[in-house]
């Protein structure tokens, strides 16, 4: 068929060959993909399918995309049953608000704190963690979010690597010297594993990830001003690994403040990495944060730092080094041995 397209869709480690008329729309393509993979159209993220540099609309014709024969589409997306399994929680809960944040610096009072602590205790007892690499004695703990922290999950790109935050591997390599690394995302475990493979994180030779946590390890809390919200309570990790991790040696990076509600002294809000095609050549957030982690790594208690001011700490350190260098140069100028050396050099000339 001369007007048909042969396309390969790569999803979850498998290739799916699709033949579809070029006169069909993107919506029709998603419907065909759904029939073969079971991933609903609204769940599909076709990473490298673009029209004039943007994600094509559903009514866009495939002929307008000018796809070459055998074009391979990289797809991300979860099956409904996987999402349902990962999203289930033990208790009956009111509707949860997921997509808002709390202004930085705002003090939030939580109601029924005893209930929240009981939920954490239940997670500690019941939540199963698949340890990828064992905790290391004497290391601090770095907990990292994924979406908009390490990865721009909404921008179009030729490949998932183009959506990776700049200097990710350099950052993780540097952090690994002093910190065990845990990935915690408010998505399903399958989605986390897929992203970590896509970014080359899961099997990197220069650092190791200790384990992943997904949305099922989170709990809901009630804040009078905002209602019921989901948070990432670090107490789950501390309860699971009390011999290794505790409040004083833990720091968590996330682009959403509300995830720190149970542990505000351990959270650092990272600038969200968005519009990767524009910002990937100028975003240096991870370079600076690697320096900050090194700065605080030798301290006994990380909660003594107000992580909201992490850039100020770095500026003070930079200024301290600058003054030290000036003093060192000044001392050299007044060192008699340097004067003698200068005189000798003058005589020689």
Protein backbone atom coordinates (compact mmCIF):
# COMPACT_ATOMS: atom_id res chain seq x y z
CA UNK A 1 0.00 0.00 0.00
CA UNK A 2 1.70 3.14 -1.26
CA UNK A 3 -0.20 5.46 1.07
CA UNK A 4 0.53 3.42 4.19
CA UNK A 5 3.16 4.02 6.86
CA UNK A 6 5.20 1.34 8.57
CA UNK A 7 5.99 2.52 12.10
CA UNK A 8 7.68 0.83 15.04
CA UNK A 9 6.59 1.79 18.55
CA UNK A 10 9.09 1.08 21.34
CA UNK A 11 7.43 0.69 24.74
CA UNK A 12 8.39 -1.09 27.94
CA UNK A 13 11.36 -2.80 26.30
CA UNK A 14 9.38 -4.20 23.35
CA UNK A 15 8.88 -3.17 19.71
CA UNK A 16 5.40 -3.04 18.16
CA UNK A 17 5.17 -2.87 14.36
CA UNK A 18 2.26 -0.81 13.07
CA UNK A 19 0.98 -0.24 9.54
CA UNK A 20 -1.42 2.67 9.19
CA UNK A 21 -2.66 4.87 6.31
CA UNK A 22 -0.76 8.14 6.06
CA UNK A 23 -4.11 9.89 5.67
CA UNK A 24 -5.05 8.89 9.23
CA UNK A 25 -4.70 11.28 12.15
CA UNK A 26 -2.50 11.16 15.24
CA UNK A 27 -5.62 10.18 17.18
CA UNK A 28 -6.04 7.14 14.92
CA UNK A 29 -2.40 6.22 15.47
CA UNK A 30 -2.91 6.37 19.24
CA UNK A 31 -5.98 4.18 18.87
CA UNK A 32 -3.96 1.60 16.97
CA UNK A 33 -1.21 1.73 19.59
CA UNK A 34 -3.84 1.22 22.28
CA UNK A 35 -5.08 -1.95 20.55
CA UNK A 36 -1.56 -3.41 20.50
CA UNK A 37 -0.20 -2.27 23.87
CA UNK A 38 -3.25 -1.66 26.05
CA UNK A 39 -2.03 1.85 26.93
CA UNK A 40 -4.93 4.27 26.61
CA UNK A 41 -4.44 7.21 24.20
CA UNK A 42 -4.56 9.81 26.97
CA UNK A 43 -1.76 7.94 28.79
CA UNK A 44 0.53 7.79 25.77
CA UNK A 45 3.55 10.08 25.56
CA UNK A 46 5.08 9.77 22.09
CA UNK A 47 8.47 11.30 22.81
CA UNK A 48 9.86 11.94 19.34
CA UNK A 49 6.66 12.56 17.38
CA UNK A 50 6.66 16.24 16.45
CA UNK A 51 5.01 18.64 14.04
CA UNK A 52 6.88 21.87 13.39
CA UNK A 53 8.87 21.35 16.58
CA UNK A 54 5.84 20.82 18.80
CA UNK A 55 3.72 17.92 20.01
CA UNK A 56 1.19 17.30 17.21
CA UNK A 57 -2.50 17.77 17.91
CA UNK A 58 -4.70 14.69 17.75
CA UNK A 59 -6.35 15.89 14.54
CA UNK A 60 -2.99 16.36 12.80
CA UNK A 61 -2.63 14.03 9.78
CA UNK A 62 0.29 11.62 9.75
CA UNK A 63 1.14 12.74 6.23
CA UNK A 64 1.92 16.20 7.65
CA UNK A 65 4.57 14.73 9.96
CA UNK A 66 6.68 13.53 7.00
CA UNK A 67 7.69 10.31 8.73
CA UNK A 68 10.23 8.07 7.03
CA UNK A 69 9.45 4.36 6.45
CA UNK A 70 10.29 2.34 9.55
CA UNK A 71 10.22 5.41 11.80
CA UNK A 72 10.59 4.36 15.46
CA UNK A 73 8.46 6.08 18.08
CA UNK A 74 9.61 5.99 21.71
CA UNK A 75 6.53 5.79 23.92
CA UNK A 76 6.06 6.22 27.64
CA UNK A 77 2.80 5.39 29.38
CA UNK A 78 1.24 3.08 31.95
CA UNK A 79 -1.51 0.49 31.81
CA UNK A 80 -4.63 1.28 33.81
CA UNK A 81 -4.18 -1.74 36.08
CA UNK A 82 -0.61 -0.69 36.90
CA UNK A 83 -1.78 2.80 37.80
CA UNK A 84 -4.58 1.41 39.95
CA UNK A 85 -2.21 -0.94 41.79
CA UNK A 86 0.38 1.75 42.42
CA UNK A 87 -2.14 4.36 43.47
CA UNK A 88 -4.04 2.24 45.98
CA UNK A 89 -3.62 3.09 49.66
CA UNK A 90 -4.69 1.11 52.71
CA UNK A 91 -7.19 3.56 54.15
CA UNK A 92 -10.35 5.17 52.77
CA UNK A 93 -9.53 8.76 51.93
CA UNK A 94 -11.33 11.88 50.74
CA UNK A 95 -10.43 13.37 47.39
CA UNK A 96 -6.72 14.19 47.16
CA UNK A 97 -5.41 17.39 45.62
CA UNK A 98 -2.27 16.58 43.60
CA UNK A 99 -1.35 19.47 41.33
CA UNK A 100 -0.84 22.48 43.52
CA UNK A 101 2.00 23.77 45.63
CA UNK A 102 2.31 25.71 48.85
CA UNK A 103 4.12 29.07 48.76
CA UNK A 104 7.72 28.74 49.87
CA UNK A 105 8.30 29.83 53.44
CA UNK A 106 4.65 29.56 54.47
CA UNK A 107 4.18 27.82 57.80
CA UNK A 108 1.54 25.10 57.54
CA UNK A 109 -0.13 23.56 60.58
CA UNK A 110 -1.18 19.94 60.17
CA UNK A 111 -4.24 18.57 61.91
CA UNK A 112 -4.39 15.11 63.50
CA UNK A 113 -0.64 14.66 63.54
CA UNK A 114 -1.03 11.44 65.54
CA UNK A 115 -3.07 10.00 62.67
CA UNK A 116 -0.33 10.95 60.19
CA UNK A 117 2.32 9.30 62.34
CA UNK A 118 0.18 6.17 62.50
CA UNK A 119 0.04 6.14 58.69
CA UNK A 120 3.82 6.39 58.54
CA UNK A 121 4.14 3.52 61.01
CA UNK A 122 1.84 1.45 58.82
CA UNK A 123 3.97 2.19 55.75
CA UNK A 124 7.07 1.17 57.68
CA UNK A 125 5.49 -2.16 58.59
CA UNK A 126 3.71 -2.97 55.34
CA UNK A 127 5.43 -1.20 52.45
CA UNK A 128 7.87 -3.45 50.60
CA UNK A 129 11.10 -1.88 49.34
CA UNK A 130 13.18 -3.54 46.65
CA UNK A 131 16.77 -2.69 47.59
CA UNK A 132 18.83 -2.24 44.43
CA UNK A 133 22.09 -1.49 46.23
CA UNK A 134 22.59 -1.82 50.01
CA UNK A 135 22.97 1.25 52.26
CA UNK A 136 26.58 2.21 52.98
CA UNK A 137 27.88 2.76 56.47
CA UNK A 138 28.61 6.40 57.30
CA UNK A 139 26.88 7.91 54.26
CA UNK A 140 24.20 10.56 54.40
CA UNK A 141 20.94 10.22 52.46
CA UNK A 142 19.84 12.18 49.39
CA UNK A 143 16.20 11.67 48.28
CA UNK A 144 15.35 12.92 44.79
CA UNK A 145 12.12 13.58 42.94
CA UNK A 146 12.01 12.91 39.16
CA UNK A 147 9.51 15.05 37.25
CA UNK A 148 10.76 18.63 36.80
CA UNK A 149 13.60 17.83 39.21
CA UNK A 150 15.66 15.50 37.03
CA UNK A 151 13.46 15.25 33.95
CA UNK A 152 11.13 17.47 31.93
CA UNK A 153 8.26 15.05 31.46
CA UNK A 154 6.02 17.24 29.28
CA UNK A 155 8.13 18.79 26.54
CA UNK A 156 8.45 17.19 23.07
CA UNK A 157 11.81 15.69 22.13
CA UNK A 158 13.48 13.30 19.71
CA UNK A 159 14.46 11.08 22.64
CA UNK A 160 14.00 10.96 26.39
CA UNK A 161 17.63 11.91 26.93
CA UNK A 162 16.88 15.36 25.50
CA UNK A 163 14.46 15.88 28.39
CA UNK A 164 17.10 15.01 31.00
CA UNK A 165 18.24 17.87 33.21
CA UNK A 166 21.75 19.03 32.26
CA UNK A 167 24.65 17.58 34.28
CA UNK A 168 22.44 14.88 35.83
CA UNK A 169 25.08 12.15 35.73
CA UNK A 170 27.84 14.49 36.93
CA UNK A 171 25.60 15.57 39.81
CA UNK A 172 24.74 12.02 40.85
CA UNK A 173 28.39 10.95 40.58
CA UNK A 174 29.46 13.81 42.85
CA UNK A 175 26.65 13.23 45.36
CA UNK A 176 27.35 9.50 45.54
CA UNK A 177 30.70 10.15 47.24
CA UNK A 178 28.96 11.30 50.41
CA UNK A 179 25.32 10.26 50.06
CA UNK A 180 23.26 7.16 49.42
CA UNK A 181 20.74 8.08 46.71
CA UNK A 182 17.02 7.25 46.73
CA UNK A 183 14.52 8.14 43.99
CA UNK A 184 11.00 8.99 45.19
CA UNK A 185 8.34 9.92 42.66
CA UNK A 186 4.58 10.42 43.03
CA UNK A 187 3.97 8.00 40.14
CA UNK A 188 3.86 4.24 39.68
CA UNK A 189 6.92 2.02 40.14
CA UNK A 190 6.76 0.92 36.52
CA UNK A 191 6.89 4.56 35.40
CA UNK A 192 9.88 5.23 37.68
CA UNK A 193 11.80 2.22 36.38
CA UNK A 194 11.05 3.20 32.79
CA UNK A 195 12.34 6.74 33.30
CA UNK A 196 15.49 5.63 35.10
CA UNK A 197 16.32 3.25 32.25
CA UNK A 198 15.58 5.95 29.70
CA UNK A 199 17.93 8.40 31.42
CA UNK A 200 20.69 5.84 31.91
CA UNK A 201 20.50 6.15 35.70
CA UNK A 202 19.58 2.60 36.69
CA UNK A 203 22.86 0.98 35.59
CA UNK A 204 25.37 3.82 35.63
CA UNK A 205 28.92 2.75 36.43
CA UNK A 206 29.88 5.84 38.47
CA UNK A 207 27.08 5.78 41.04
CA UNK A 208 24.40 3.46 42.41
CA UNK A 209 20.78 4.04 43.36
CA UNK A 210 19.85 2.51 46.70
CA UNK A 211 16.13 2.01 45.96
CA UNK A 212 13.02 3.56 44.42
CA UNK A 213 9.86 4.71 46.20
CA UNK A 214 6.59 5.38 44.37
CA UNK A 215 3.25 6.97 45.24
CA UNK A 216 2.19 4.00 47.37
CA UNK A 217 4.81 5.00 49.98
CA UNK A 218 3.27 8.47 50.31
CA UNK A 219 0.58 9.43 52.82
CA UNK A 220 -2.21 11.99 52.94
CA UNK A 221 -2.30 14.76 55.52
CA UNK A 222 -4.88 17.43 56.31
CA UNK A 223 -3.89 21.09 56.37
CA UNK A 224 -6.75 23.40 57.41
CA UNK A 225 -5.95 25.95 54.70
CA UNK A 226 -5.48 23.50 51.81
CA UNK A 227 -7.44 20.39 52.72
CA UNK A 228 -6.15 16.87 52.06
CA UNK A 229 -2.82 16.61 50.23
CA UNK A 230 -0.31 13.86 49.51
CA UNK A 231 3.21 14.17 50.93
CA UNK A 232 6.45 12.21 51.02
CA UNK A 233 7.15 11.44 54.69
CA UNK A 234 10.83 10.69 55.21
CA UNK A 235 9.83 8.84 58.37
CA UNK A 236 9.04 5.86 56.14
CA UNK A 237 12.72 5.61 55.18
CA UNK A 238 13.97 6.36 58.69
CA UNK A 239 11.68 3.66 60.08
CA UNK A 240 12.82 1.12 57.50
CA UNK A 241 16.54 1.83 57.93
CA UNK A 242 17.02 3.28 61.46
CA UNK A 243 20.61 2.08 61.65
CA UNK A 244 21.57 4.14 58.58
CA UNK A 245 19.27 7.13 58.13
CA UNK A 246 17.74 9.75 60.43
CA UNK A 247 16.64 13.41 60.28
CA UNK A 248 20.14 14.73 60.93
CA UNK A 249 21.71 13.05 57.88
CA UNK A 250 18.90 13.34 55.30
CA UNK A 251 18.09 15.91 52.62
CA UNK A 252 15.38 15.73 49.95
CA UNK A 253 15.17 17.67 46.66
CA UNK A 254 11.74 18.27 45.12
CA UNK A 255 10.17 20.96 42.97
CA UNK A 256 6.98 20.93 45.10
CA UNK A 257 7.03 22.35 48.63
CA UNK A 258 4.07 20.36 49.91
CA UNK A 259 6.05 17.13 49.69
CA UNK A 260 8.13 18.44 52.64
CA UNK A 261 5.17 19.11 54.95
CA UNK A 262 6.03 16.31 57.36
CA UNK A 263 9.77 17.11 57.29
CA UNK A 264 10.24 20.80 56.41
CA UNK A 265 13.80 20.99 57.77
CA UNK A 266 14.95 18.25 55.41
CA UNK A 267 13.53 19.66 52.19
CA UNK A 268 15.17 21.78 49.51
CA UNK A 269 12.95 23.13 46.76
CA UNK A 270 14.74 22.86 43.45
CA UNK A 271 13.88 25.12 40.52
CA UNK A 272 11.68 23.11 38.15
CA UNK A 273 13.32 22.07 34.89
CA UNK A 274 10.79 22.84 32.16
CA UNK A 275 10.86 23.68 28.44
CA UNK A 276 13.91 21.49 27.99
CA UNK A 277 14.45 22.51 24.36
CA UNK A 278 15.00 26.12 25.53
CA UNK A 279 16.67 25.62 28.91
CA UNK A 280 18.87 22.55 28.54
CA UNK A 281 21.79 24.64 27.30
CA UNK A 282 21.72 27.10 30.20
CA UNK A 283 20.38 25.22 33.24
CA UNK A 284 23.20 24.78 35.81
CA UNK A 285 21.07 24.04 38.88
CA UNK A 286 22.58 20.60 39.43
CA UNK A 287 26.15 21.91 39.23
CA UNK A 288 25.46 24.38 42.02
CA UNK A 289 23.55 21.85 44.10
CA UNK A 290 26.42 19.38 43.82
CA UNK A 291 28.64 22.04 45.43
CA UNK A 292 26.07 22.62 48.16
CA UNK A 293 25.88 18.92 48.97
CA UNK A 294 29.66 18.81 49.26
CA UNK A 295 29.59 21.89 51.51
CA UNK A 296 27.18 20.36 54.03
CA UNK A 297 28.34 16.74 53.74
CA UNK A 298 30.78 16.98 56.66
CA UNK A 299 28.27 18.55 59.04
CA UNK A 300 26.81 16.43 61.82
CA UNK A 301 23.24 17.72 61.52
CA UNK A 302 21.80 18.83 58.19
CA UNK A 303 18.68 20.23 59.87
CA UNK A 304 20.84 23.06 61.24
CA UNK A 305 20.82 24.50 57.72
CA UNK A 306 17.91 26.44 56.30
CA UNK A 307 18.01 24.81 52.88
CA UNK A 308 15.80 27.56 51.48
CA UNK A 309 18.94 29.75 51.59
CA UNK A 310 21.29 27.21 50.02
CA UNK A 311 22.51 29.67 47.39
CA UNK A 312 23.43 32.19 50.10
CA UNK A 313 25.57 29.56 51.82
CA UNK A 314 27.37 28.95 48.53
CA UNK A 315 27.90 32.69 48.00
CA UNK A 316 29.39 33.05 51.48
CA UNK A 317 31.72 30.14 50.81
CA UNK A 318 32.79 31.68 47.52
CA UNK A 319 33.42 35.04 49.18
CA UNK A 320 35.38 33.36 51.97
CA UNK A 321 37.61 31.63 49.43
CA UNK A 322 38.09 34.90 47.54
CA UNK A 323 39.21 36.73 50.70
CA UNK A 324 41.50 33.87 51.65
CA UNK A 325 43.12 34.04 48.22
CA UNK A 326 43.57 37.81 48.53
CA UNK A 327 45.18 37.42 51.95
CA UNK A 328 47.44 34.73 50.59
CA UNK A 329 48.52 36.94 47.69
CA UNK A 330 49.05 39.85 50.06
CA UNK A 331 51.26 37.71 52.30
CA UNK A 332 53.30 36.64 49.30
CA UNK A 333 53.84 40.29 48.32
CA UNK A 334 55.30 41.06 51.78
CA UNK A 335 57.35 37.89 52.05
CA UNK A 336 61.10 38.89 52.09
CA UNK A 337 61.98 35.76 50.17
CA UNK A 338 59.68 36.92 47.36
CA UNK A 339 61.40 40.34 47.35
CA UNK A 340 64.77 38.68 47.13
CA UNK A 341 63.55 36.54 44.29
CA UNK A 342 62.24 39.65 42.56
CA UNK A 343 65.53 41.46 43.08
CA UNK A 344 67.48 38.54 41.72
CA UNK A 345 65.23 38.43 38.72
CA UNK A 346 65.78 42.17 38.23
CA UNK A 347 69.53 41.78 38.49
CA UNK A 348 69.46 38.96 36.01
CA UNK A 349 67.62 41.12 33.53
